[in-house]
Protein backbone atom coordinates (compact mmCIF):
# COMPACT_ATOMS: atom_id res chain seq x y z
CA UNK A 1 -3.86 34.47 11.49
CA UNK A 2 -0.81 32.54 9.24
CA UNK A 3 1.75 32.04 11.92
CA UNK A 4 5.07 34.36 10.73
CA UNK A 5 8.54 32.58 9.96
CA UNK A 6 12.11 33.26 11.88
CA UNK A 7 15.10 34.47 9.92
CA UNK A 8 16.16 30.85 10.13
CA UNK A 9 13.14 29.72 8.07
CA UNK A 10 13.48 32.51 5.45
CA UNK A 11 16.73 31.26 5.08
CA UNK A 12 15.86 28.30 4.49
CA UNK A 13 12.89 28.61 2.49
CA UNK A 14 14.09 31.51 0.48
CA UNK A 15 13.82 29.29 -2.33
CA UNK A 16 9.95 29.23 -2.08
CA UNK A 17 9.66 33.09 -1.30
CA UNK A 18 10.98 33.54 -4.39
CA UNK A 19 8.32 32.48 -6.09
CA UNK A 20 5.53 34.82 -6.72
CA UNK A 21 2.94 32.17 -6.50
CA UNK A 22 4.98 30.77 -2.95
CA UNK A 23 6.18 33.60 -1.54
CA UNK A 24 6.21 34.86 2.14
CA UNK A 25 2.47 34.10 2.73
CA UNK A 26 2.27 31.05 1.05
CA UNK A 27 5.10 29.73 2.87
CA UNK A 28 3.21 30.55 6.24
CA UNK A 29 0.58 28.75 4.66
CA UNK A 30 2.79 25.85 4.77
CA UNK A 31 3.65 26.54 8.10
CA UNK A 32 -0.21 26.38 9.10
CA UNK A 33 -1.25 23.47 7.15
CA UNK A 34 -1.24 19.60 8.56
CA UNK A 35 -1.15 16.98 6.75
CA UNK A 36 -1.52 13.01 7.76
CA UNK A 37 0.17 10.83 5.66
CA UNK A 38 -1.79 7.10 5.66
CA UNK A 39 1.77 4.68 5.03
CA UNK A 40 5.32 5.27 5.31
CA UNK A 41 6.27 2.98 2.65
CA UNK A 42 7.01 3.22 -1.22
CA UNK A 43 4.36 6.32 -1.41
CA UNK A 44 4.66 7.66 1.98
CA UNK A 45 8.52 7.92 1.67
CA UNK A 46 8.90 10.70 -1.10
CA UNK A 47 5.59 11.81 0.21
CA UNK A 48 6.71 12.64 4.44
CA UNK A 49 10.23 13.66 3.55
CA UNK A 50 9.06 16.67 0.36
CA UNK A 51 6.43 17.84 2.79
CA UNK A 52 8.74 17.84 5.53
CA UNK A 53 11.12 19.86 3.54
CA UNK A 54 8.77 21.78 1.88
CA UNK A 55 7.62 22.91 5.37
CA UNK A 56 4.83 22.07 6.50
CA UNK A 57 3.93 22.16 9.78
CA UNK A 58 2.46 19.15 11.53
CA UNK A 59 2.88 16.53 9.66
CA UNK A 60 0.71 12.96 11.08
CA UNK A 61 2.16 9.60 9.97
CA UNK A 62 0.22 6.11 10.73
CA UNK A 63 2.28 2.59 10.34
CA UNK A 64 2.46 -0.59 12.27
CA UNK A 65 5.05 -2.08 10.85
CA UNK A 66 9.03 -2.28 11.50
CA UNK A 67 11.42 -1.51 8.62
CA UNK A 68 12.91 -4.92 6.78
CA UNK A 69 15.73 -4.97 4.47
CA UNK A 70 13.42 -6.11 1.73
CA UNK A 71 11.99 -1.87 2.05
CA UNK A 72 14.80 -0.58 0.93
CA UNK A 73 14.75 -0.63 -2.50
CA UNK A 74 12.04 1.74 -2.87
CA UNK A 75 11.33 3.07 0.53
CA UNK A 76 14.26 6.02 0.84
CA UNK A 77 13.06 7.12 4.07
CA UNK A 78 14.33 4.53 6.08
CA UNK A 79 18.15 3.12 5.98
CA UNK A 80 20.15 0.31 6.72
CA UNK A 81 20.72 1.22 10.37
CA UNK A 82 16.37 1.40 10.88
CA UNK A 83 15.93 -2.43 9.93
CA UNK A 84 13.78 -3.61 12.92
CA UNK A 85 12.60 -0.41 13.67
CA UNK A 86 9.46 0.49 13.89
CA UNK A 87 8.18 2.45 10.82
CA UNK A 88 6.82 5.66 11.94
CA UNK A 89 9.79 6.10 13.96
CA UNK A 90 12.28 5.29 11.29
CA UNK A 91 10.66 7.81 9.36
CA UNK A 92 10.52 10.45 11.72
CA UNK A 93 13.94 10.83 12.46
CA UNK A 94 14.57 11.40 9.38
CA UNK A 95 11.79 14.45 8.51
CA UNK A 96 13.16 16.19 11.94
CA UNK A 97 16.47 15.40 11.05
CA UNK A 98 15.73 17.38 7.20
CA UNK A 99 13.46 19.92 8.80
CA UNK A 100 13.79 20.41 12.79
CA UNK A 101 11.23 23.73 12.51
CA UNK A 102 7.84 20.89 11.90
CA UNK A 103 6.25 18.44 14.60
CA UNK A 104 6.04 15.29 13.46
CA UNK A 105 2.63 13.22 14.90
CA UNK A 106 3.15 9.01 14.56
CA UNK A 107 0.60 6.62 14.84
CA UNK A 108 2.03 3.46 15.17
CA UNK A 109 -1.34 1.67 15.00
CA UNK A 110 -3.24 0.01 12.37
CA UNK A 111 -6.06 3.01 10.38
CA UNK A 112 -9.08 1.26 10.82
CA UNK A 113 -12.60 2.01 11.53
CA UNK A 114 -12.59 2.06 14.98
CA UNK A 115 -9.69 4.80 15.23
CA UNK A 116 -9.70 6.74 11.91
CA UNK A 117 -11.99 9.62 12.30
CA UNK A 118 -10.22 10.14 15.53
CA UNK A 119 -7.11 10.33 13.69
CA UNK A 120 -7.98 12.27 11.01
CA UNK A 121 -10.16 14.84 12.20
CA UNK A 122 -7.50 17.45 12.95
CA UNK A 123 -5.83 17.33 9.56
CA UNK A 124 -6.37 19.43 6.68
CA UNK A 125 -5.96 17.14 3.86
CA UNK A 126 -5.09 13.05 3.86
CA UNK A 127 -2.67 11.50 1.75
CA UNK A 128 -3.56 7.39 1.00
CA UNK A 129 -0.05 5.76 0.91
CA UNK A 130 -1.29 2.26 0.94
CA UNK A 131 -1.40 -0.89 -1.28
CA UNK A 132 -4.45 -2.61 0.10
CA UNK A 133 -8.01 -2.31 -0.48
CA UNK A 134 -9.96 -1.76 2.39
CA UNK A 135 -7.80 1.08 3.85
CA UNK A 136 -8.12 3.01 0.16
CA UNK A 137 -11.65 2.40 0.85
CA UNK A 138 -11.64 3.74 4.38
CA UNK A 139 -9.28 6.83 3.82
CA UNK A 140 -11.98 8.05 1.14
CA UNK A 141 -15.05 7.19 3.11
CA UNK A 142 -12.76 9.05 5.81
CA UNK A 143 -12.74 11.72 3.92
CA UNK A 144 -15.67 12.73 2.71
CA UNK A 145 -17.77 11.99 5.78
CA UNK A 146 -15.20 14.79 7.38
CA UNK A 147 -15.15 17.34 4.38
CA UNK A 148 -11.25 16.70 3.21
CA UNK A 149 -9.69 15.80 0.56
CA UNK A 150 -7.83 12.72 -0.18
CA UNK A 151 -4.51 12.40 -2.42
CA UNK A 152 -4.45 9.12 -3.90
CA UNK A 153 -1.85 7.15 -5.24
CA UNK A 154 -0.98 3.23 -6.78
CA UNK A 155 1.85 1.70 -7.78
CA UNK A 156 2.73 -1.63 -9.46
CA UNK A 157 5.81 -2.96 -11.48
CA UNK A 158 5.88 0.00 -13.34
CA UNK A 159 2.58 1.70 -13.59
CA UNK A 160 0.90 4.41 -11.06
CA UNK A 161 -2.27 6.48 -10.40
CA UNK A 162 -2.17 9.45 -9.41
CA UNK A 163 -5.60 11.64 -8.45
CA UNK A 164 -7.56 14.26 -5.67
CA UNK A 165 -10.93 13.09 -4.73
CA UNK A 166 -12.77 15.51 -2.78
CA UNK A 167 -16.65 14.86 -2.41
CA UNK A 168 -16.68 19.01 -1.80
CA UNK A 169 -15.81 19.51 -5.32
CA UNK A 170 -15.70 16.10 -7.04
CA UNK A 171 -16.10 12.85 -7.60
CA UNK A 172 -14.89 10.78 -4.41
CA UNK A 173 -12.68 7.34 -5.07
CA UNK A 174 -16.05 5.28 -4.56
CA UNK A 175 -17.43 7.35 -7.87
CA UNK A 176 -14.52 6.00 -9.83
CA UNK A 177 -14.76 2.70 -8.09
CA UNK A 178 -17.95 1.26 -6.79
CA UNK A 179 -16.84 -1.93 -5.82
CA UNK A 180 -13.63 -3.33 -4.67
CA UNK A 181 -12.24 -6.23 -7.76
CA UNK A 182 -13.19 -9.79 -6.50
CA UNK A 183 -9.96 -11.42 -3.60
CA UNK A 184 -6.78 -11.86 -5.60
CA UNK A 185 -7.69 -10.71 -8.95
CA UNK A 186 -5.56 -7.45 -8.32
CA UNK A 187 -2.28 -8.50 -6.58
CA UNK A 188 0.09 -6.32 -4.42
CA UNK A 189 3.26 -4.74 -4.81
CA UNK A 190 4.66 -7.94 -2.43
CA UNK A 191 2.92 -10.79 -5.15
CA UNK A 192 3.81 -8.70 -8.17
CA UNK A 193 6.32 -6.56 -7.76
CA UNK A 194 7.54 -2.88 -8.23
CA UNK A 195 10.28 -0.82 -9.64
CA UNK A 196 12.20 0.85 -6.94
CA UNK A 197 11.92 4.73 -8.50
CA UNK A 198 8.10 4.08 -9.14
CA UNK A 199 7.16 4.77 -5.97
CA UNK A 200 9.34 7.91 -6.14
CA UNK A 201 7.99 9.69 -9.38
CA UNK A 202 4.01 8.83 -7.89
CA UNK A 203 4.70 9.58 -4.13
CA UNK A 204 6.39 13.32 -5.25
CA UNK A 205 3.75 13.85 -7.61
CA UNK A 206 1.09 13.42 -4.57
CA UNK A 207 3.46 15.72 -2.34
CA UNK A 208 2.99 18.22 -5.34
CA UNK A 209 -0.56 17.73 -5.58
CA UNK A 210 -0.66 18.17 -1.25
CA UNK A 211 1.33 21.60 -1.51
CA UNK A 212 -0.86 23.00 -4.29
CA UNK A 213 -3.90 22.00 -2.41
CA UNK A 214 -2.07 23.96 0.71
CA UNK A 215 -1.15 26.75 -1.41
CA UNK A 216 -4.46 27.05 -3.03
CA UNK A 217 -2.30 27.20 -6.61
CA UNK A 218 -2.61 25.77 -10.18
CA UNK A 219 -5.35 23.26 -10.89
CA UNK A 220 -5.40 20.03 -8.78
CA UNK A 221 -5.86 16.49 -10.03
CA UNK A 222 -9.62 16.46 -9.11
CA UNK A 223 -12.08 15.39 -11.20
CA UNK A 224 -8.71 13.90 -13.15
CA UNK A 225 -6.90 10.58 -13.14
CA UNK A 226 -3.29 10.48 -14.12
CA UNK A 227 -2.03 7.39 -15.59
CA UNK A 228 1.96 7.13 -15.53
CA UNK A 229 3.62 4.51 -17.36
CA UNK A 230 7.25 4.11 -16.61
CA UNK A 231 8.41 1.69 -19.58
CA UNK A 232 7.36 4.49 -22.31
CA UNK A 233 7.13 7.56 -19.73
CA UNK A 234 3.73 8.47 -20.82
CA UNK A 235 1.18 10.48 -18.76
CA UNK A 236 -2.15 10.13 -19.52
CA UNK A 237 -5.07 11.52 -18.25
CA UNK A 238 -8.58 10.32 -17.74
CA UNK A 239 -11.59 12.79 -16.74
CA UNK A 240 -13.59 11.36 -13.57
CA UNK A 241 -17.16 12.31 -13.18
CA UNK A 242 -19.42 12.34 -10.06
CA UNK A 243 -21.60 9.56 -9.68
CA UNK A 244 -25.05 10.81 -8.47
CA UNK A 245 -25.66 7.28 -6.95
CA UNK A 246 -22.34 6.89 -5.55
CA UNK A 247 -22.92 5.49 -1.72
CA UNK A 248 -21.17 7.52 0.15
CA UNK A 249 -21.25 11.22 -1.78
CA UNK A 250 -23.99 10.70 -3.59
CA UNK A 251 -27.49 12.87 -3.52
CA UNK A 252 -28.80 9.90 -1.17
CA UNK A 253 -26.20 8.21 -0.07
CA UNK A 254 -25.93 4.81 1.79
CA UNK A 255 -22.86 4.82 4.30
CA UNK A 256 -23.04 7.16 6.29
CA UNK A 257 -20.67 5.76 8.65
CA UNK A 258 -17.96 3.63 8.39
CA UNK A 259 -18.75 0.05 7.70
CA UNK A 260 -16.57 -3.31 8.40
CA UNK A 261 -13.45 -2.65 4.61
CA UNK A 262 -12.03 -6.00 5.16
CA UNK A 263 -15.91 -7.85 4.64
CA UNK A 264 -16.43 -5.00 2.02
CA UNK A 265 -13.82 -6.53 0.18
CA UNK A 266 -13.36 -9.77 1.31
CA UNK A 267 -9.65 -9.36 1.41
CA UNK A 268 -6.94 -8.15 4.99
CA UNK A 269 -6.44 -5.05 5.59
CA UNK A 270 -2.67 -4.90 5.49
CA UNK A 271 0.24 -4.67 4.20
CA UNK A 272 2.19 -8.02 5.14
CA UNK A 273 2.60 -10.66 2.65
CA UNK A 274 1.74 -13.54 4.37
CA UNK A 275 -1.35 -15.58 3.74
CA UNK A 276 -3.67 -16.57 6.47
CA UNK A 277 -5.71 -19.67 6.19
CA UNK A 278 -5.37 -21.75 9.17
CA UNK A 279 -8.59 -23.89 9.96
CA UNK A 280 -6.02 -27.10 9.12
CA UNK A 281 -5.53 -26.22 6.14
CA UNK A 282 -1.60 -24.80 7.10
CA UNK A 283 1.09 -26.57 7.30
CA UNK A 284 4.21 -25.29 8.67
CA UNK A 285 7.75 -25.59 6.80
CA UNK A 286 9.14 -28.21 9.96
CA UNK A 287 6.19 -30.47 9.63
CA UNK A 288 6.40 -30.55 5.57
CA UNK A 289 10.11 -31.30 5.61
CA UNK A 290 9.25 -34.26 8.24
CA UNK A 291 6.88 -35.41 6.18
CA UNK A 292 9.13 -35.33 3.19
CA UNK A 293 12.04 -37.16 5.19
CA UNK A 294 9.33 -39.73 6.58
CA UNK A 295 9.15 -40.46 2.96
CA UNK A 296 5.33 -39.56 2.62
CA UNK A 297 4.01 -39.17 -0.86
CA UNK A 298 3.26 -35.47 -1.43
CA UNK A 299 2.80 -33.69 -4.45
CA UNK A 300 4.50 -30.21 -4.50
CA UNK A 301 2.66 -27.53 -6.32
CA UNK A 302 4.43 -23.91 -7.09
CA UNK A 303 1.89 -21.59 -7.72
CA UNK A 304 4.56 -18.57 -8.47
CA UNK A 305 5.44 -17.44 -11.66
CA UNK A 306 8.30 -19.01 -14.07
CA UNK A 307 10.69 -16.37 -13.51
CA UNK A 308 10.56 -16.75 -9.86
CA UNK A 309 12.14 -20.37 -10.16
CA UNK A 310 15.60 -18.51 -10.87
CA UNK A 311 15.55 -17.17 -7.15
CA UNK A 312 14.50 -20.23 -5.52
CA UNK A 313 12.85 -23.67 -5.93
CA UNK A 314 12.10 -26.63 -4.09
CA UNK A 315 13.21 -29.76 -5.86
CA UNK A 316 9.93 -31.69 -7.59
CA UNK A 317 7.86 -29.41 -6.99
CA UNK A 318 5.72 -28.99 -10.43
CA UNK A 319 4.96 -25.09 -11.47
CA UNK A 320 1.36 -23.73 -12.13
CA UNK A 321 0.73 -20.65 -11.90
CA UNK A 322 -1.93 -19.32 -9.60
CA UNK A 323 -3.32 -17.47 -12.76
CA UNK A 324 -3.64 -20.70 -14.74
CA UNK A 325 -4.90 -23.16 -11.98
CA UNK A 326 -8.07 -22.75 -12.63
CA UNK A 327 -7.97 -23.94 -16.50
CA UNK A 328 -5.50 -26.93 -15.62
CA UNK A 329 -7.16 -28.38 -12.77
CA UNK A 330 -7.33 -31.67 -14.95
CA UNK A 331 -3.34 -32.12 -14.70
CA UNK A 332 -4.08 -32.83 -10.93
CA UNK A 333 -4.73 -35.79 -9.06
CA UNK A 334 -7.78 -34.82 -5.73
CA UNK A 335 -6.52 -37.98 -4.31
CA UNK A 336 -3.28 -37.14 -3.82
CA UNK A 337 -2.18 -35.39 -0.55
CA UNK A 338 -1.26 -31.97 -2.00
CA UNK A 339 1.29 -28.87 -0.50
CA UNK A 340 0.90 -25.19 -2.15
CA UNK A 341 3.41 -22.84 -2.42
CA UNK A 342 4.41 -19.45 -3.68
CA UNK A 343 6.59 -16.65 -2.31
CA UNK A 344 5.37 -16.04 1.35
CA UNK A 345 1.59 -18.04 1.19
CA UNK A 346 -0.64 -14.93 -0.14
CA UNK A 347 -1.13 -16.59 -3.67
CA UNK A 348 -0.51 -20.34 -1.97
CA UNK A 349 -3.52 -19.00 -0.12
CA UNK A 350 -5.64 -18.05 -2.93
CA UNK A 351 -5.02 -21.28 -4.41
CA UNK A 352 -6.06 -23.83 -1.39
CA UNK A 353 -9.09 -21.97 -1.46
CA UNK A 354 -9.66 -22.29 -5.21
CA UNK A 355 -8.59 -26.03 -5.00
CA UNK A 356 -11.09 -26.80 -2.64
CA UNK A 357 -13.98 -25.10 -4.29
CA UNK A 358 -13.42 -27.36 -7.11
CA UNK A 359 -13.44 -30.38 -4.92
CA UNK A 360 -9.73 -31.13 -3.38
CA UNK A 361 -9.67 -31.70 0.32
CA UNK A 362 -6.01 -33.11 0.21
CA UNK A 363 -4.63 -30.01 0.26
CA UNK A 364 -2.17 -27.95 2.88
CA UNK A 365 -0.99 -24.34 2.06
CA UNK A 366 2.86 -23.95 3.13
CA UNK A 367 2.61 -21.50 5.56
CA UNK A 368 5.03 -18.62 4.63
CA UNK A 369 5.79 -20.07 1.12
CA UNK A 370 9.36 -20.97 -0.08
CA UNK A 371 10.25 -17.72 2.29
CA UNK A 372 9.75 -19.72 5.64
CA UNK A 373 11.21 -22.99 3.86
CA UNK A 374 14.01 -20.49 3.41
CA UNK A 375 14.77 -19.42 6.90
CA UNK A 376 13.47 -22.57 9.01
CA UNK A 377 14.70 -25.36 6.65
CA UNK A 378 17.61 -24.65 4.02
CA UNK A 379 19.73 -21.14 4.38
CA UNK A 380 20.93 -21.91 0.64
CA UNK A 381 17.91 -20.84 -0.67
CA UNK A 382 17.68 -17.02 -0.53
CA UNK A 383 14.71 -15.27 0.61
CA UNK A 384 13.15 -12.63 -1.29
């Protein structure tokens, strides 16, 4: 039986109640529904805000990061006063301020193969607001195994994608992308940037699809992929088909339980920027500064994009963007000590792997990138 609405709720949702496709029964459906939002960043912000405003009765939030000032350009559920606060708590406060009649459950932990089934089991719909391939495949497989809809969105620079994957009625994410891209081929928003308003557009469309599923109205994005380009304001649709050989939702699935998705994708399952190399291949900013003061003959290699030099640069560093490095190895001397850096250490970690595979052994990765140098050595440089 659907829950009733108080007089206060009827007034709050009156503009919904006037729509024949929603009405009183539809609003009661929203109140009875539960949605799990995975990620409270760029996409999760508008999703969570609009689900709360619409009156979805129970909303779960999964994240394990804290609010940083660099988030505020696009993660509009958070504010300056929330910098340093857990993202799930910052989001929860804003949602309950917007609508105190809903329930918000927070999970301040990574969404992993160990906890995903337990967290997701009691929710009707999952919304993927993540920015990494291991978690995307994990969300997909959880939805297939539990028989739930996965409202998918992704963003990069000026482009966005939307779909609803529901293996009960159409293809799943693995039907579209059976295998992840090679590690490092697709940069994250932290590496390539994103127009601040883009996640608002894409996240609001994700919220729209979730509300349609709950209400049972309209044509959902099941079996379709929306491609959005903000520069020319174009919306293109690609028709998707279920893959009978899909490893998780096909006729003879081989993935019948959750796997190690970081191993499957070859990249870490988190959104943080800082690359992890270790094994003696890292050098910290203070260590590099000491080596330079001692007059060591080190070659600094910047693997960022040319336009990033306008933000900050290290004197004497040579620029070879990561995408050009493989074709320009002849410009480097493998006998010379080399320190590779980028913005925060992710791209330079991939550059280091490329150099090592090409036979370079006297090479280090500047841990934390030029941002670490700005924080620890030269505060005249901005952190970005």
